[in-house]
Amino acid sequence: MVKNVQYQELPQWMQKEEIKPYIEMLNRQRGRLFCKRVFDIIVSALILLLLSPAFLLLAAAIKIDSKGPVFYRQVRVGQYGQDFRIFKFRSMVQDADKKGLALTTEGDSRITRVGKLIRKCRLDEFSQVLNVLEGTMSLVGPRPEVRKYVDAYEPEYLATLLVPPGITATASIRFKDEDELLNSGGDPEEIYIHQILPEKMRYNLEYLDHISVWQDIKIMVQTVLAVFRR
């Protein structure tokens, strides 16, 4: 079974009064969280098995298109504030994070030719089933952020770190055109922190209130539909 979350065992910077109601709520839903983990493992294993030929073709296309590794491994903040390395099919030039913002804006020159297709169809996220299988992520849950944006969280937002981060979420669907918003004028990081992030967190906190396998299935279906509508 999934263990109870112990407030006193959280990192000191996460111990905020605002997250206590979420801890109590999640501790009452250990059965649902256990079923969610089993669902994650089964579905991720099936995805890896069924799509491995497509993954190999995509890996070959990435290598042919530009120099660098197939996967982009960036450090993100996961459950209980622990750092982990996310798997993403590389859609940008090698060392892109050293050549610009942590965010990606519309028409970003760092995106490769193959990367444009990868990002349009969200193929870069599929490799994160490896993270799901290793236990650092879930199929559905709040998207993991880099440390600099977690440092900008309001106290209540820290509740989203009580569960494993996800490959997709309602917030991701609502902000599927985020790169366009970031390119609308002004400092992209300021726009993200003060305009986009609070809205994303509102959706993420709502997700915690309704966490279940059924909710995850609905969000996964909505994600697929959103990709095909682009």
C-alpha atoms as a PDB file:
ATOM      1  CA  MET A   1       0.000   0.000   0.000  1.00  0.00           C
ATOM      2  CA  VAL A   2       0.952   3.662  -0.378  1.00  0.00           C
ATOM      3  CA  LYS A   3       2.425   5.080   2.822  1.00  0.00           C
ATOM      4  CA  ASN A   4       0.906   7.979   4.721  1.00  0.00           C
ATOM      5  CA  VAL A   5       2.500  11.351   4.098  1.00  0.00           C
ATOM      6  CA  GLN A   6       4.174  12.542   7.303  1.00  0.00           C
ATOM      7  CA  TYR A   7       4.314  16.329   7.570  1.00  0.00           C
ATOM      8  CA  GLN A   8       7.403  16.299   9.797  1.00  0.00           C
ATOM      9  CA  GLU A   9       9.294  14.140   7.287  1.00  0.00           C
ATOM     10  CA  LEU A  10       8.898  16.667   4.476  1.00  0.00           C
ATOM     11  CA  PRO A  11      11.813  18.983   3.623  1.00  0.00           C
ATOM     12  CA  GLN A  12      11.815  22.023   5.892  1.00  0.00           C
ATOM     13  CA  TRP A  13      10.960  24.365   3.010  1.00  0.00           C
ATOM     14  CA  MET A  14       7.807  22.330   2.271  1.00  0.00           C
ATOM     15  CA  GLN A  15       6.489  22.400   5.831  1.00  0.00           C
ATOM     16  CA  LYS A  16       3.812  25.057   5.386  1.00  0.00           C
ATOM     17  CA  GLU A  17       0.439  25.225   7.127  1.00  0.00           C
ATOM     18  CA  GLU A  18      -1.293  25.677   3.758  1.00  0.00           C
ATOM     19  CA  ILE A  19      -0.490  22.116   2.634  1.00  0.00           C
ATOM     20  CA  LYS A  20      -1.726  20.317   5.771  1.00  0.00           C
ATOM     21  CA  PRO A  21      -5.325  19.918   4.461  1.00  0.00           C
ATOM     22  CA  TYR A  22      -3.940  18.283   1.303  1.00  0.00           C
ATOM     23  CA  ILE A  23      -1.816  15.883   3.356  1.00  0.00           C
ATOM     24  CA  GLU A  24      -4.884  14.804   5.331  1.00  0.00           C
ATOM     25  CA  MET A  25      -6.914  14.397   2.140  1.00  0.00           C
ATOM     26  CA  LEU A  26      -4.256  12.303   0.370  1.00  0.00           C
ATOM     27  CA  ASN A  27      -3.748  10.119   3.440  1.00  0.00           C
ATOM     28  CA  ARG A  28      -7.453   9.264   3.290  1.00  0.00           C
ATOM     29  CA  GLN A  29      -7.051   8.199  -0.333  1.00  0.00           C
ATOM     30  CA  ARG A  30      -4.219   5.674  -0.035  1.00  0.00           C
ATOM     31  CA  GLY A  31      -6.343   3.021  -1.761  1.00  0.00           C
ATOM     32  CA  ARG A  32      -6.901   5.260  -4.782  1.00  0.00           C
ATOM     33  CA  LEU A  33      -3.220   6.178  -4.896  1.00  0.00           C
ATOM     34  CA  PHE A  34      -2.242   2.495  -4.824  1.00  0.00           C
ATOM     35  CA  CYS A  35      -4.617   1.727  -7.721  1.00  0.00           C
ATOM     36  CA  LYS A  36      -3.208   4.730  -9.585  1.00  0.00           C
ATOM     37  CA  ARG A  37       0.340   3.368  -9.219  1.00  0.00           C
ATOM     38  CA  VAL A  38      -0.682  -0.090 -10.465  1.00  0.00           C
ATOM     39  CA  PHE A  39      -2.462   1.543 -13.427  1.00  0.00           C
ATOM     40  CA  ASP A  40       0.666   3.605 -14.178  1.00  0.00           C
ATOM     41  CA  ILE A  41       2.903   0.535 -14.293  1.00  0.00           C
ATOM     42  CA  ILE A  42       0.583  -1.543 -16.485  1.00  0.00           C
ATOM     43  CA  VAL A  43      -0.172   1.210 -19.014  1.00  0.00           C
ATOM     44  CA  SER A  44       3.438   2.438 -19.205  1.00  0.00           C
ATOM     45  CA  ALA A  45       4.717  -1.094 -19.816  1.00  0.00           C
ATOM     46  CA  LEU A  46       2.140  -1.563 -22.586  1.00  0.00           C
ATOM     47  CA  ILE A  47       3.059   1.770 -24.196  1.00  0.00           C
ATOM     48  CA  LEU A  48       6.752   0.856 -24.127  1.00  0.00           C
ATOM     49  CA  LEU A  49       6.047  -2.583 -25.582  1.00  0.00           C
ATOM     50  CA  LEU A  50       3.673  -1.459 -28.339  1.00  0.00           C
ATOM     51  CA  LEU A  51       5.447   1.738 -29.364  1.00  0.00           C
ATOM     52  CA  SER A  52       9.087   0.633 -29.063  1.00  0.00           C
ATOM     53  CA  PRO A  53       9.459   0.309 -32.903  1.00  0.00           C
ATOM     54  CA  ALA A  54       8.173   3.887 -33.311  1.00  0.00           C
ATOM     55  CA  PHE A  55      10.502   5.059 -30.540  1.00  0.00           C
ATOM     56  CA  LEU A  56      13.474   3.513 -32.355  1.00  0.00           C
ATOM     57  CA  LEU A  57      12.525   5.296 -35.594  1.00  0.00           C
ATOM     58  CA  LEU A  58      12.137   8.583 -33.740  1.00  0.00           C
ATOM     59  CA  ALA A  59      15.516   8.079 -32.056  1.00  0.00           C
ATOM     60  CA  ALA A  60      17.133   7.496 -35.463  1.00  0.00           C
ATOM     61  CA  ALA A  61      15.496  10.650 -36.883  1.00  0.00           C
ATOM     62  CA  ILE A  62      16.790  12.725 -33.956  1.00  0.00           C
ATOM     63  CA  LYS A  63      20.350  11.437 -34.417  1.00  0.00           C
ATOM     64  CA  ILE A  64      20.299  12.026 -38.187  1.00  0.00           C
ATOM     65  CA  ASP A  65      18.814  15.520 -37.866  1.00  0.00           C
ATOM     66  CA  SER A  66      21.262  17.047 -35.392  1.00  0.00           C
ATOM     67  CA  LYS A  67      24.261  16.385 -33.171  1.00  0.00           C
ATOM     68  CA  GLY A  68      23.641  15.265 -29.624  1.00  0.00           C
ATOM     69  CA  PRO A  69      21.983  12.513 -27.588  1.00  0.00           C
ATOM     70  CA  VAL A  70      18.548  11.054 -28.297  1.00  0.00           C
ATOM     71  CA  PHE A  71      17.280  11.979 -24.843  1.00  0.00           C
ATOM     72  CA  TYR A  72      17.336  15.320 -23.106  1.00  0.00           C
ATOM     73  CA  ARG A  73      17.836  14.706 -19.369  1.00  0.00           C
ATOM     74  CA  GLN A  74      16.895  17.785 -17.379  1.00  0.00           C
ATOM     75  CA  VAL A  75      16.747  18.007 -13.593  1.00  0.00           C
ATOM     76  CA  ARG A  76      13.198  18.656 -12.370  1.00  0.00           C
ATOM     77  CA  VAL A  77      11.600  18.773  -8.926  1.00  0.00           C
ATOM     78  CA  GLY A  78       9.505  15.721  -8.130  1.00  0.00           C
ATOM     79  CA  GLN A  79       7.505  14.253  -5.265  1.00  0.00           C
ATOM     80  CA  TYR A  80       8.421  15.614  -1.815  1.00  0.00           C
ATOM     81  CA  GLY A  81      10.695  18.177  -3.466  1.00  0.00           C
ATOM     82  CA  GLN A  82      13.272  15.606  -4.567  1.00  0.00           C
ATOM     83  CA  ASP A  83      15.279  16.295  -7.718  1.00  0.00           C
ATOM     84  CA  PHE A  84      15.167  13.740 -10.537  1.00  0.00           C
ATOM     85  CA  ARG A  85      16.166  13.618 -14.200  1.00  0.00           C
ATOM     86  CA  ILE A  86      13.337  13.639 -16.697  1.00  0.00           C
ATOM     87  CA  PHE A  87      13.501  11.682 -19.971  1.00  0.00           C
ATOM     88  CA  LYS A  88      12.494  13.676 -23.060  1.00  0.00           C
ATOM     89  CA  PHE A  89      13.141  12.930 -26.708  1.00  0.00           C
ATOM     90  CA  ARG A  90      15.464  15.778 -27.666  1.00  0.00           C
ATOM     91  CA  SER A  91      13.679  18.416 -29.748  1.00  0.00           C
ATOM     92  CA  MET A  92      16.271  21.187 -29.465  1.00  0.00           C
ATOM     93  CA  VAL A  93      19.944  21.617 -30.296  1.00  0.00           C
ATOM     94  CA  GLN A  94      22.485  20.120 -27.924  1.00  0.00           C
ATOM     95  CA  ASP A  95      22.999  22.157 -24.714  1.00  0.00           C
ATOM     96  CA  ALA A  96      19.969  24.332 -25.546  1.00  0.00           C
ATOM     97  CA  ASP A  97      19.450  25.082 -21.848  1.00  0.00           C
ATOM     98  CA  LYS A  98      22.852  26.825 -21.823  1.00  0.00           C
ATOM     99  CA  LYS A  99      21.950  28.951 -24.843  1.00  0.00           C
ATOM    100  CA  GLY A 100      18.732  30.602 -23.685  1.00  0.00           C
ATOM    101  CA  LEU A 101      15.776  30.530 -21.309  1.00  0.00           C
ATOM    102  CA  ALA A 102      14.548  27.473 -19.425  1.00  0.00           C
ATOM    103  CA  LEU A 103      11.238  28.178 -21.188  1.00  0.00           C
ATOM    104  CA  THR A 104      10.551  27.626 -24.886  1.00  0.00           C
ATOM    105  CA  THR A 105       8.826  30.381 -26.848  1.00  0.00           C
ATOM    106  CA  GLU A 106       7.082  30.227 -30.221  1.00  0.00           C
ATOM    107  CA  GLY A 107       9.579  30.116 -33.091  1.00  0.00           C
ATOM    108  CA  ASP A 108      12.486  29.349 -30.731  1.00  0.00           C
ATOM    109  CA  SER A 109      15.615  29.061 -32.901  1.00  0.00           C
ATOM    110  CA  ARG A 110      16.949  26.242 -30.706  1.00  0.00           C
ATOM    111  CA  ILE A 111      14.259  23.824 -31.939  1.00  0.00           C
ATOM    112  CA  THR A 112      15.524  21.375 -34.584  1.00  0.00           C
ATOM    113  CA  ARG A 113      13.689  20.384 -37.773  1.00  0.00           C
ATOM    114  CA  VAL A 114      12.621  17.034 -36.325  1.00  0.00           C
ATOM    115  CA  GLY A 115      12.008  18.821 -33.036  1.00  0.00           C
ATOM    116  CA  LYS A 116       9.223  20.906 -34.578  1.00  0.00           C
ATOM    117  CA  LEU A 117       7.244  17.740 -35.330  1.00  0.00           C
ATOM    118  CA  ILE A 118       8.140  16.221 -31.973  1.00  0.00           C
ATOM    119  CA  ARG A 119       6.838  19.242 -30.079  1.00  0.00           C
ATOM    120  CA  LYS A 120       3.735  19.678 -32.224  1.00  0.00           C
ATOM    121  CA  CYS A 121       2.643  16.094 -31.525  1.00  0.00           C
ATOM    122  CA  ARG A 122       4.070  16.074 -27.973  1.00  0.00           C
ATOM    123  CA  LEU A 123       6.193  13.058 -28.863  1.00  0.00           C
ATOM    124  CA  ASP A 124       8.969  14.293 -26.570  1.00  0.00           C
ATOM    125  CA  GLU A 125       6.843  13.375 -23.559  1.00  0.00           C
ATOM    126  CA  PHE A 126       6.346   9.709 -24.521  1.00  0.00           C
ATOM    127  CA  SER A 127       9.812   8.748 -23.306  1.00  0.00           C
ATOM    128  CA  GLN A 128       8.711   9.733 -19.806  1.00  0.00           C
ATOM    129  CA  VAL A 129       7.042   6.331 -19.470  1.00  0.00           C
ATOM    130  CA  LEU A 130      10.588   5.352 -18.405  1.00  0.00           C
ATOM    131  CA  ASN A 131      10.265   7.805 -15.516  1.00  0.00           C
ATOM    132  CA  VAL A 132       6.861   6.328 -14.675  1.00  0.00           C
ATOM    133  CA  LEU A 133       8.271   2.799 -14.566  1.00  0.00           C
ATOM    134  CA  GLU A 134      11.148   3.873 -12.319  1.00  0.00           C
ATOM    135  CA  GLY A 135       8.652   5.545  -9.967  1.00  0.00           C
ATOM    136  CA  THR A 136       9.700   9.187 -10.320  1.00  0.00           C
ATOM    137  CA  MET A 137       6.621  10.151 -12.350  1.00  0.00           C
ATOM    138  CA  SER A 138       2.998   9.205 -12.990  1.00  0.00           C
ATOM    139  CA  LEU A 139       1.026   9.162 -16.233  1.00  0.00           C
ATOM    140  CA  VAL A 140      -1.140  12.002 -14.927  1.00  0.00           C
ATOM    141  CA  GLY A 141      -0.243  14.611 -12.369  1.00  0.00           C
ATOM    142  CA  PRO A 142       1.129  18.148 -12.011  1.00  0.00           C
ATOM    143  CA  ARG A 143       3.900  18.693 -14.550  1.00  0.00           C
ATOM    144  CA  PRO A 144       7.362  18.820 -12.928  1.00  0.00           C
ATOM    145  CA  GLU A 145       9.055  22.213 -12.889  1.00  0.00           C
ATOM    146  CA  VAL A 146      12.713  23.204 -12.726  1.00  0.00           C
ATOM    147  CA  ARG A 147      13.909  24.366  -9.305  1.00  0.00           C
ATOM    148  CA  LYS A 148      13.873  28.103 -10.141  1.00  0.00           C
ATOM    149  CA  TYR A 149      10.098  28.029 -10.722  1.00  0.00           C
ATOM    150  CA  VAL A 150       9.412  25.878  -7.661  1.00  0.00           C
ATOM    151  CA  ASP A 151      11.266  28.515  -5.646  1.00  0.00           C
ATOM    152  CA  ALA A 152       8.612  30.992  -6.862  1.00  0.00           C
ATOM    153  CA  TYR A 153       5.688  28.845  -5.584  1.00  0.00           C
ATOM    154  CA  GLU A 154       3.143  30.284  -3.184  1.00  0.00           C
ATOM    155  CA  PRO A 155       2.928  28.107  -0.020  1.00  0.00           C
ATOM    156  CA  GLU A 156      -0.267  26.327  -1.150  1.00  0.00           C
ATOM    157  CA  TYR A 157       1.311  25.375  -4.486  1.00  0.00           C
ATOM    158  CA  LEU A 158       3.761  23.144  -2.597  1.00  0.00           C
ATOM    159  CA  ALA A 159       0.883  20.679  -2.120  1.00  0.00           C
ATOM    160  CA  THR A 160       1.361  19.669  -5.768  1.00  0.00           C
ATOM    161  CA  LEU A 161       4.694  18.148  -4.705  1.00  0.00           C
ATOM    162  CA  LEU A 162       2.922  15.643  -2.445  1.00  0.00           C
ATOM    163  CA  VAL A 163       2.217  13.387  -5.445  1.00  0.00           C
ATOM    164  CA  PRO A 164       4.457  12.187  -8.285  1.00  0.00           C
ATOM    165  CA  PRO A 165       4.577  14.634 -11.209  1.00  0.00           C
ATOM    166  CA  GLY A 166       2.789  13.563 -14.383  1.00  0.00           C
ATOM    167  CA  ILE A 167       3.379  13.280 -18.111  1.00  0.00           C
ATOM    168  CA  THR A 168       0.142  15.158 -18.692  1.00  0.00           C
ATOM    169  CA  ALA A 169      -2.388  17.149 -16.686  1.00  0.00           C
ATOM    170  CA  THR A 170      -5.428  19.336 -17.160  1.00  0.00           C
ATOM    171  CA  ALA A 171      -3.121  22.348 -16.844  1.00  0.00           C
ATOM    172  CA  SER A 172      -1.023  21.044 -19.749  1.00  0.00           C
ATOM    173  CA  ILE A 173      -4.119  20.727 -21.928  1.00  0.00           C
ATOM    174  CA  ARG A 174      -5.386  24.195 -21.035  1.00  0.00           C
ATOM    175  CA  PHE A 175      -1.964  25.695 -21.792  1.00  0.00           C
ATOM    176  CA  LYS A 176      -1.064  23.607 -24.835  1.00  0.00           C
ATOM    177  CA  ASP A 177      -0.222  26.855 -26.669  1.00  0.00           C
ATOM    178  CA  GLU A 178       1.912  28.164 -23.838  1.00  0.00           C
ATOM    179  CA  ASP A 179       4.814  29.041 -26.153  1.00  0.00           C
ATOM    180  CA  GLU A 180       2.566  31.530 -27.976  1.00  0.00           C
ATOM    181  CA  LEU A 181       1.547  33.170 -24.689  1.00  0.00           C
ATOM    182  CA  LEU A 182       5.191  33.488 -23.674  1.00  0.00           C
ATOM    183  CA  ASN A 183       5.920  35.219 -26.965  1.00  0.00           C
ATOM    184  CA  SER A 184       3.072  37.732 -26.623  1.00  0.00           C
ATOM    185  CA  GLY A 185       5.322  40.531 -25.390  1.00  0.00           C
ATOM    186  CA  GLY A 186       7.320  41.252 -22.267  1.00  0.00           C
ATOM    187  CA  ASP A 187       9.709  39.062 -20.290  1.00  0.00           C
ATOM    188  CA  PRO A 188       8.728  35.380 -20.888  1.00  0.00           C
ATOM    189  CA  GLU A 189       9.824  34.339 -17.394  1.00  0.00           C
ATOM    190  CA  GLU A 190       7.818  37.123 -15.757  1.00  0.00           C
ATOM    191  CA  ILE A 191       4.779  36.162 -17.844  1.00  0.00           C
ATOM    192  CA  TYR A 192       5.193  32.521 -16.822  1.00  0.00           C
ATOM    193  CA  ILE A 193       5.672  33.120 -13.092  1.00  0.00           C
ATOM    194  CA  HIS A 194       3.005  35.796 -12.619  1.00  0.00           C
ATOM    195  CA  GLN A 195       0.349  34.877 -15.208  1.00  0.00           C
ATOM    196  CA  ILE A 196       0.634  31.277 -16.381  1.00  0.00           C
ATOM    197  CA  LEU A 197       1.947  29.488 -13.282  1.00  0.00           C
ATOM    198  CA  PRO A 198      -0.875  30.601 -10.923  1.00  0.00           C
ATOM    199  CA  GLU A 199      -3.497  29.325 -13.385  1.00  0.00           C
ATOM    200  CA  LYS A 200      -1.661  26.031 -13.814  1.00  0.00           C
ATOM    201  CA  MET A 201      -1.487  25.608 -10.061  1.00  0.00           C
ATOM    202  CA  ARG A 202      -5.221  26.197  -9.755  1.00  0.00           C
ATOM    203  CA  TYR A 203      -5.858  23.246 -12.087  1.00  0.00           C
ATOM    204  CA  ASN A 204      -3.229  21.133 -10.319  1.00  0.00           C
ATOM    205  CA  LEU A 205      -4.733  21.720  -6.883  1.00  0.00           C
ATOM    206  CA  GLU A 206      -8.184  20.848  -8.237  1.00  0.00           C
ATOM    207  CA  TYR A 207      -6.702  17.589  -9.550  1.00  0.00           C
ATOM    208  CA  LEU A 208      -5.554  16.655  -6.036  1.00  0.00           C
ATOM    209  CA  ASP A 209      -9.159  17.021  -4.870  1.00  0.00           C
ATOM    210  CA  HIS A 210     -10.364  14.454  -7.436  1.00  0.00           C
ATOM    211  CA  ILE A 211      -7.392  12.129  -7.789  1.00  0.00           C
ATOM    212  CA  SER A 212      -8.350   8.665  -9.089  1.00  0.00           C
ATOM    213  CA  VAL A 213      -7.674   6.218 -11.918  1.00  0.00           C
ATOM    214  CA  TRP A 214     -10.929   7.258 -13.590  1.00  0.00           C
ATOM    215  CA  GLN A 215      -9.906  10.917 -13.482  1.00  0.00           C
ATOM    216  CA  ASP A 216      -6.536   9.969 -14.994  1.00  0.00           C
ATOM    217  CA  ILE A 217      -8.202   8.086 -17.853  1.00  0.00           C
ATOM    218  CA  LYS A 218     -10.374  11.112 -18.656  1.00  0.00           C
ATOM    219  CA  ILE A 219      -7.362  13.441 -18.694  1.00  0.00           C
ATOM    220  CA  MET A 220      -5.390  11.035 -20.903  1.00  0.00           C
ATOM    221  CA  VAL A 221      -8.258  10.908 -23.422  1.00  0.00           C
ATOM    222  CA  GLN A 222      -8.537  14.711 -23.354  1.00  0.00           C
ATOM    223  CA  THR A 223      -4.784  14.935 -23.989  1.00  0.00           C
ATOM    224  CA  VAL A 224      -4.978  12.708 -27.070  1.00  0.00           C
ATOM    225  CA  LEU A 225      -7.905  14.734 -28.433  1.00  0.00           C
ATOM    226  CA  ALA A 226      -6.036  18.002 -27.795  1.00  0.00           C
ATOM    227  CA  VAL A 227      -2.995  16.759 -29.744  1.00  0.00           C
ATOM    228  CA  PHE A 228      -5.106  15.763 -32.759  1.00  0.00           C
ATOM    229  CA  ARG A 229      -6.909  19.121 -32.730  1.00  0.00           C
ATOM    230  CA  ARG A 230      -3.678  21.107 -33.062  1.00  0.00           C
END
